[in-house]
């Protein structure tokens, strides 16, 4: 009976595979890299267009945030898109809560903005989500510094809603694209 590889050995093998894939991508002919780029650009465009269109249908004040989110999270695989989406929605939620709370507690001033950024980034890092930390800072900045009409809690809520809409569109597009890719590359009989 053979012994199972250790976690360290499995992680080393996965790292080797990742590095091998990265090397393989870099060595692809220019036309192949261009096709991959065009494919990803098409996915991002479709997801962003769907998110923006749905945002307009829902009468969002700034539907472009949904389109930006769709572009930001769209990756070549569903799993990568899902991971990016998780970081984006957590960052948006934490940044929204931090921005809203700081404004409620301290008012609309630079000091409350500074405190909100520090709190949002620190909370994300504390729970082990460094990428979400950056995104929480971005959301806090959008909520607190971008001119808007209406109350902060509505702006925060709408921002999280637009992020969710962009994420949903990106996930649907990438799932559909993966099915098309599997169909296209499947072996012929």
C-alpha atoms as a PDB file:
ATOM      1  CA  UNK A   1       0.000   0.000   0.000  1.00  0.00           C
ATOM      2  CA  UNK A   2       1.473   3.328  -1.046  1.00  0.00           C
ATOM      3  CA  UNK A   3       1.746   6.248   1.333  1.00  0.00           C
ATOM      4  CA  UNK A   4      -0.299   9.356   0.568  1.00  0.00           C
ATOM      5  CA  UNK A   5       1.712  12.488  -0.202  1.00  0.00           C
ATOM      6  CA  UNK A   6       1.858  15.106   2.536  1.00  0.00           C
ATOM      7  CA  UNK A   7       0.042  18.409   2.316  1.00  0.00           C
ATOM      8  CA  UNK A   8       3.382  20.120   1.739  1.00  0.00           C
ATOM      9  CA  UNK A   9       4.178  17.788  -1.168  1.00  0.00           C
ATOM     10  CA  UNK A  10       0.735  18.312  -2.730  1.00  0.00           C
ATOM     11  CA  UNK A  11       1.106  22.091  -2.422  1.00  0.00           C
ATOM     12  CA  UNK A  12       4.575  21.886  -4.009  1.00  0.00           C
ATOM     13  CA  UNK A  13       3.123  19.898  -6.923  1.00  0.00           C
ATOM     14  CA  UNK A  14       0.294  22.416  -7.372  1.00  0.00           C
ATOM     15  CA  UNK A  15       2.784  25.282  -7.364  1.00  0.00           C
ATOM     16  CA  UNK A  16       4.860  23.468  -9.999  1.00  0.00           C
ATOM     17  CA  UNK A  17       1.752  23.026 -12.162  1.00  0.00           C
ATOM     18  CA  UNK A  18       0.804  26.713 -11.754  1.00  0.00           C
ATOM     19  CA  UNK A  19       4.310  27.821 -12.695  1.00  0.00           C
ATOM     20  CA  UNK A  20       4.310  25.424 -15.639  1.00  0.00           C
ATOM     21  CA  UNK A  21       0.998  26.818 -16.889  1.00  0.00           C
ATOM     22  CA  UNK A  22       2.246  30.385 -16.505  1.00  0.00           C
ATOM     23  CA  UNK A  23       5.361  29.498 -18.516  1.00  0.00           C
ATOM     24  CA  UNK A  24       3.245  27.762 -21.147  1.00  0.00           C
ATOM     25  CA  UNK A  25       1.002  30.850 -21.512  1.00  0.00           C
ATOM     26  CA  UNK A  26       4.017  33.126 -21.884  1.00  0.00           C
ATOM     27  CA  UNK A  27       5.427  30.866 -24.604  1.00  0.00           C
ATOM     28  CA  UNK A  28       2.220  30.719 -26.658  1.00  0.00           C
ATOM     29  CA  UNK A  29       2.454  32.312 -30.082  1.00  0.00           C
ATOM     30  CA  UNK A  30       1.269  35.915 -30.267  1.00  0.00           C
ATOM     31  CA  UNK A  31      -1.857  34.928 -32.197  1.00  0.00           C
ATOM     32  CA  UNK A  32      -2.879  32.492 -29.442  1.00  0.00           C
ATOM     33  CA  UNK A  33      -2.300  35.096 -26.725  1.00  0.00           C
ATOM     34  CA  UNK A  34      -4.317  37.587 -28.768  1.00  0.00           C
ATOM     35  CA  UNK A  35      -7.176  35.100 -29.050  1.00  0.00           C
ATOM     36  CA  UNK A  36      -7.112  34.516 -25.272  1.00  0.00           C
ATOM     37  CA  UNK A  37      -7.120  38.280 -24.738  1.00  0.00           C
ATOM     38  CA  UNK A  38     -10.007  38.754 -27.154  1.00  0.00           C
ATOM     39  CA  UNK A  39     -11.945  35.959 -25.447  1.00  0.00           C
ATOM     40  CA  UNK A  40     -11.510  37.519 -21.995  1.00  0.00           C
ATOM     41  CA  UNK A  41     -12.284  40.996 -23.371  1.00  0.00           C
ATOM     42  CA  UNK A  42     -15.480  39.611 -24.919  1.00  0.00           C
ATOM     43  CA  UNK A  43     -16.531  38.018 -21.635  1.00  0.00           C
ATOM     44  CA  UNK A  44     -15.868  41.260 -19.756  1.00  0.00           C
ATOM     45  CA  UNK A  45     -17.764  43.299 -22.349  1.00  0.00           C
ATOM     46  CA  UNK A  46     -20.796  40.993 -22.300  1.00  0.00           C
ATOM     47  CA  UNK A  47     -20.873  40.902 -18.483  1.00  0.00           C
ATOM     48  CA  UNK A  48     -20.410  44.672 -18.198  1.00  0.00           C
ATOM     49  CA  UNK A  49     -23.078  45.379 -20.810  1.00  0.00           C
ATOM     50  CA  UNK A  50     -25.557  43.087 -19.087  1.00  0.00           C
ATOM     51  CA  UNK A  51     -24.812  44.625 -15.686  1.00  0.00           C
ATOM     52  CA  UNK A  52     -25.104  48.172 -17.004  1.00  0.00           C
ATOM     53  CA  UNK A  53     -28.316  47.416 -18.900  1.00  0.00           C
ATOM     54  CA  UNK A  54     -29.906  45.744 -15.889  1.00  0.00           C
ATOM     55  CA  UNK A  55     -28.757  48.613 -13.686  1.00  0.00           C
ATOM     56  CA  UNK A  56     -30.484  51.080 -16.001  1.00  0.00           C
ATOM     57  CA  UNK A  57     -33.629  48.942 -16.010  1.00  0.00           C
ATOM     58  CA  UNK A  58     -33.570  49.002 -12.202  1.00  0.00           C
ATOM     59  CA  UNK A  59     -33.179  52.802 -12.298  1.00  0.00           C
ATOM     60  CA  UNK A  60     -29.838  52.794 -10.491  1.00  0.00           C
ATOM     61  CA  UNK A  61     -28.439  56.308 -10.144  1.00  0.00           C
ATOM     62  CA  UNK A  62     -24.977  55.195 -11.199  1.00  0.00           C
ATOM     63  CA  UNK A  63     -25.360  51.906 -13.082  1.00  0.00           C
ATOM     64  CA  UNK A  64     -21.793  52.164 -14.343  1.00  0.00           C
ATOM     65  CA  UNK A  65     -20.620  50.783 -10.968  1.00  0.00           C
ATOM     66  CA  UNK A  66     -22.284  47.460 -11.829  1.00  0.00           C
ATOM     67  CA  UNK A  67     -20.469  47.442 -15.186  1.00  0.00           C
ATOM     68  CA  UNK A  68     -17.146  48.257 -13.523  1.00  0.00           C
ATOM     69  CA  UNK A  69     -17.653  45.448 -11.030  1.00  0.00           C
ATOM     70  CA  UNK A  70     -18.454  42.967 -13.796  1.00  0.00           C
ATOM     71  CA  UNK A  71     -15.222  43.883 -15.567  1.00  0.00           C
ATOM     72  CA  UNK A  72     -13.217  43.728 -12.341  1.00  0.00           C
ATOM     73  CA  UNK A  73     -14.351  40.222 -11.387  1.00  0.00           C
ATOM     74  CA  UNK A  74     -14.498  38.553 -14.816  1.00  0.00           C
ATOM     75  CA  UNK A  75     -11.741  35.959 -15.101  1.00  0.00           C
ATOM     76  CA  UNK A  76     -11.109  33.095 -17.516  1.00  0.00           C
ATOM     77  CA  UNK A  77     -12.562  30.443 -15.226  1.00  0.00           C
ATOM     78  CA  UNK A  78     -15.633  30.204 -13.052  1.00  0.00           C
ATOM     79  CA  UNK A  79     -13.609  29.402  -9.934  1.00  0.00           C
ATOM     80  CA  UNK A  80     -11.355  32.436 -10.415  1.00  0.00           C
ATOM     81  CA  UNK A  81     -14.382  34.637 -11.123  1.00  0.00           C
ATOM     82  CA  UNK A  82     -16.126  33.301  -8.029  1.00  0.00           C
ATOM     83  CA  UNK A  83     -13.074  33.995  -5.843  1.00  0.00           C
ATOM     84  CA  UNK A  84     -12.709  37.489  -7.261  1.00  0.00           C
ATOM     85  CA  UNK A  85     -16.447  38.033  -6.746  1.00  0.00           C
ATOM     86  CA  UNK A  86     -16.270  36.929  -3.125  1.00  0.00           C
ATOM     87  CA  UNK A  87     -13.486  39.413  -2.437  1.00  0.00           C
ATOM     88  CA  UNK A  88     -15.378  42.166  -4.255  1.00  0.00           C
ATOM     89  CA  UNK A  89     -18.677  41.688  -2.408  1.00  0.00           C
ATOM     90  CA  UNK A  90     -17.010  41.384   0.998  1.00  0.00           C
ATOM     91  CA  UNK A  91     -14.916  44.466   0.302  1.00  0.00           C
ATOM     92  CA  UNK A  92     -17.962  46.405  -0.871  1.00  0.00           C
ATOM     93  CA  UNK A  93     -19.992  45.360   2.163  1.00  0.00           C
ATOM     94  CA  UNK A  94     -17.271  46.128   4.709  1.00  0.00           C
ATOM     95  CA  UNK A  95     -16.415  49.428   2.992  1.00  0.00           C
ATOM     96  CA  UNK A  96     -20.081  50.412   2.868  1.00  0.00           C
ATOM     97  CA  UNK A  97     -20.649  49.637   6.529  1.00  0.00           C
ATOM     98  CA  UNK A  98     -17.439  51.407   7.551  1.00  0.00           C
ATOM     99  CA  UNK A  99     -18.231  54.495   5.467  1.00  0.00           C
ATOM    100  CA  UNK A 100     -21.827  54.686   6.594  1.00  0.00           C
ATOM    101  CA  UNK A 101     -20.951  54.096  10.260  1.00  0.00           C
ATOM    102  CA  UNK A 102     -18.149  56.665  10.277  1.00  0.00           C
ATOM    103  CA  UNK A 103     -20.391  59.266   8.668  1.00  0.00           C
ATOM    104  CA  UNK A 104     -23.216  58.511  11.087  1.00  0.00           C
ATOM    105  CA  UNK A 105     -20.945  58.665  14.126  1.00  0.00           C
ATOM    106  CA  UNK A 106     -18.566  61.466  13.131  1.00  0.00           C
ATOM    107  CA  UNK A 107     -20.261  63.392  10.327  1.00  0.00           C
ATOM    108  CA  UNK A 108     -19.098  64.273   6.838  1.00  0.00           C
ATOM    109  CA  UNK A 109     -15.480  65.252   7.352  1.00  0.00           C
ATOM    110  CA  UNK A 110     -12.076  64.018   6.306  1.00  0.00           C
ATOM    111  CA  UNK A 111     -11.357  62.559   9.742  1.00  0.00           C
ATOM    112  CA  UNK A 112     -14.346  60.232   9.504  1.00  0.00           C
ATOM    113  CA  UNK A 113     -13.175  59.157   6.051  1.00  0.00           C
ATOM    114  CA  UNK A 114      -9.691  58.388   7.384  1.00  0.00           C
ATOM    115  CA  UNK A 115     -11.086  56.373  10.279  1.00  0.00           C
ATOM    116  CA  UNK A 116     -13.456  54.473   7.962  1.00  0.00           C
ATOM    117  CA  UNK A 117     -10.586  53.478   5.639  1.00  0.00           C
ATOM    118  CA  UNK A 118      -8.449  52.264   8.533  1.00  0.00           C
ATOM    119  CA  UNK A 119     -11.331  50.298  10.056  1.00  0.00           C
ATOM    120  CA  UNK A 120     -12.440  48.736   6.730  1.00  0.00           C
ATOM    121  CA  UNK A 121      -8.957  47.620   5.691  1.00  0.00           C
ATOM    122  CA  UNK A 122      -8.062  46.378   9.166  1.00  0.00           C
ATOM    123  CA  UNK A 123     -11.271  44.342   9.509  1.00  0.00           C
ATOM    124  CA  UNK A 124     -10.664  42.586   6.184  1.00  0.00           C
ATOM    125  CA  UNK A 125      -7.038  41.837   7.044  1.00  0.00           C
ATOM    126  CA  UNK A 126      -8.047  40.574  10.474  1.00  0.00           C
ATOM    127  CA  UNK A 127     -10.312  37.949   8.906  1.00  0.00           C
ATOM    128  CA  UNK A 128      -7.668  36.953   6.350  1.00  0.00           C
ATOM    129  CA  UNK A 129      -9.020  38.656   3.235  1.00  0.00           C
ATOM    130  CA  UNK A 130      -6.252  40.951   2.034  1.00  0.00           C
ATOM    131  CA  UNK A 131      -7.702  41.462  -1.458  1.00  0.00           C
ATOM    132  CA  UNK A 132     -11.079  42.383   0.034  1.00  0.00           C
ATOM    133  CA  UNK A 133      -9.227  44.896   2.224  1.00  0.00           C
ATOM    134  CA  UNK A 134      -8.147  46.912  -0.818  1.00  0.00           C
ATOM    135  CA  UNK A 135     -11.635  46.748  -2.250  1.00  0.00           C
ATOM    136  CA  UNK A 136     -13.183  47.850   1.041  1.00  0.00           C
ATOM    137  CA  UNK A 137     -10.992  50.937   0.927  1.00  0.00           C
ATOM    138  CA  UNK A 138     -12.119  51.635  -2.631  1.00  0.00           C
ATOM    139  CA  UNK A 139     -15.786  51.289  -1.666  1.00  0.00           C
ATOM    140  CA  UNK A 140     -15.333  53.504   1.372  1.00  0.00           C
ATOM    141  CA  UNK A 141     -13.748  56.126  -0.865  1.00  0.00           C
ATOM    142  CA  UNK A 142     -16.562  55.899  -3.411  1.00  0.00           C
ATOM    143  CA  UNK A 143     -19.238  56.211  -0.756  1.00  0.00           C
ATOM    144  CA  UNK A 144     -17.613  59.017   1.168  1.00  0.00           C
ATOM    145  CA  UNK A 145     -15.844  61.106  -1.491  1.00  0.00           C
ATOM    146  CA  UNK A 146     -17.765  60.718  -4.756  1.00  0.00           C
ATOM    147  CA  UNK A 147     -20.446  63.431  -4.901  1.00  0.00           C
ATOM    148  CA  UNK A 148     -23.929  61.966  -4.563  1.00  0.00           C
ATOM    149  CA  UNK A 149     -27.519  62.921  -3.926  1.00  0.00           C
ATOM    150  CA  UNK A 150     -29.275  61.253  -1.049  1.00  0.00           C
ATOM    151  CA  UNK A 151     -28.399  59.788   2.298  1.00  0.00           C
ATOM    152  CA  UNK A 152     -25.258  57.798   2.963  1.00  0.00           C
ATOM    153  CA  UNK A 153     -27.131  54.629   3.871  1.00  0.00           C
ATOM    154  CA  UNK A 154     -28.917  54.653   0.493  1.00  0.00           C
ATOM    155  CA  UNK A 155     -25.636  55.238  -1.315  1.00  0.00           C
ATOM    156  CA  UNK A 156     -23.993  52.396   0.626  1.00  0.00           C
ATOM    157  CA  UNK A 157     -26.906  50.060  -0.048  1.00  0.00           C
ATOM    158  CA  UNK A 158     -26.999  50.943  -3.734  1.00  0.00           C
ATOM    159  CA  UNK A 159     -23.238  50.423  -4.047  1.00  0.00           C
ATOM    160  CA  UNK A 160     -23.471  46.909  -2.577  1.00  0.00           C
ATOM    161  CA  UNK A 161     -26.454  46.205  -4.844  1.00  0.00           C
ATOM    162  CA  UNK A 162     -24.534  47.350  -7.929  1.00  0.00           C
ATOM    163  CA  UNK A 163     -21.573  45.178  -6.937  1.00  0.00           C
ATOM    164  CA  UNK A 164     -23.897  42.189  -6.522  1.00  0.00           C
ATOM    165  CA  UNK A 165     -25.490  42.878  -9.915  1.00  0.00           C
ATOM    166  CA  UNK A 166     -22.091  43.104 -11.615  1.00  0.00           C
ATOM    167  CA  UNK A 167     -20.973  39.894  -9.922  1.00  0.00           C
ATOM    168  CA  UNK A 168     -24.120  38.022 -10.922  1.00  0.00           C
ATOM    169  CA  UNK A 169     -23.725  39.052 -14.553  1.00  0.00           C
ATOM    170  CA  UNK A 170     -20.040  38.085 -14.605  1.00  0.00           C
ATOM    171  CA  UNK A 171     -20.732  34.674 -13.064  1.00  0.00           C
ATOM    172  CA  UNK A 172     -23.514  33.886 -15.551  1.00  0.00           C
ATOM    173  CA  UNK A 173     -21.364  34.947 -18.519  1.00  0.00           C
ATOM    174  CA  UNK A 174     -18.326  32.955 -17.365  1.00  0.00           C
ATOM    175  CA  UNK A 175     -20.393  29.813 -16.685  1.00  0.00           C
ATOM    176  CA  UNK A 176     -21.899  30.042 -20.164  1.00  0.00           C
ATOM    177  CA  UNK A 177     -18.459  30.673 -21.669  1.00  0.00           C
ATOM    178  CA  UNK A 178     -16.976  27.633 -19.934  1.00  0.00           C
ATOM    179  CA  UNK A 179     -19.720  25.463 -21.397  1.00  0.00           C
ATOM    180  CA  UNK A 180     -19.007  26.843 -24.864  1.00  0.00           C
ATOM    181  CA  UNK A 181     -15.293  26.207 -24.388  1.00  0.00           C
ATOM    182  CA  UNK A 182     -15.880  22.616 -23.231  1.00  0.00           C
ATOM    183  CA  UNK A 183     -18.097  22.012 -26.235  1.00  0.00           C
ATOM    184  CA  UNK A 184     -15.579  23.565 -28.619  1.00  0.00           C
ATOM    185  CA  UNK A 185     -12.518  21.685 -27.323  1.00  0.00           C
ATOM    186  CA  UNK A 186     -14.173  18.329 -26.728  1.00  0.00           C
ATOM    187  CA  UNK A 187     -12.642  15.483 -28.693  1.00  0.00           C
ATOM    188  CA  UNK A 188     -14.320  14.585 -31.969  1.00  0.00           C
ATOM    189  CA  UNK A 189     -15.430  11.014 -32.514  1.00  0.00           C
END
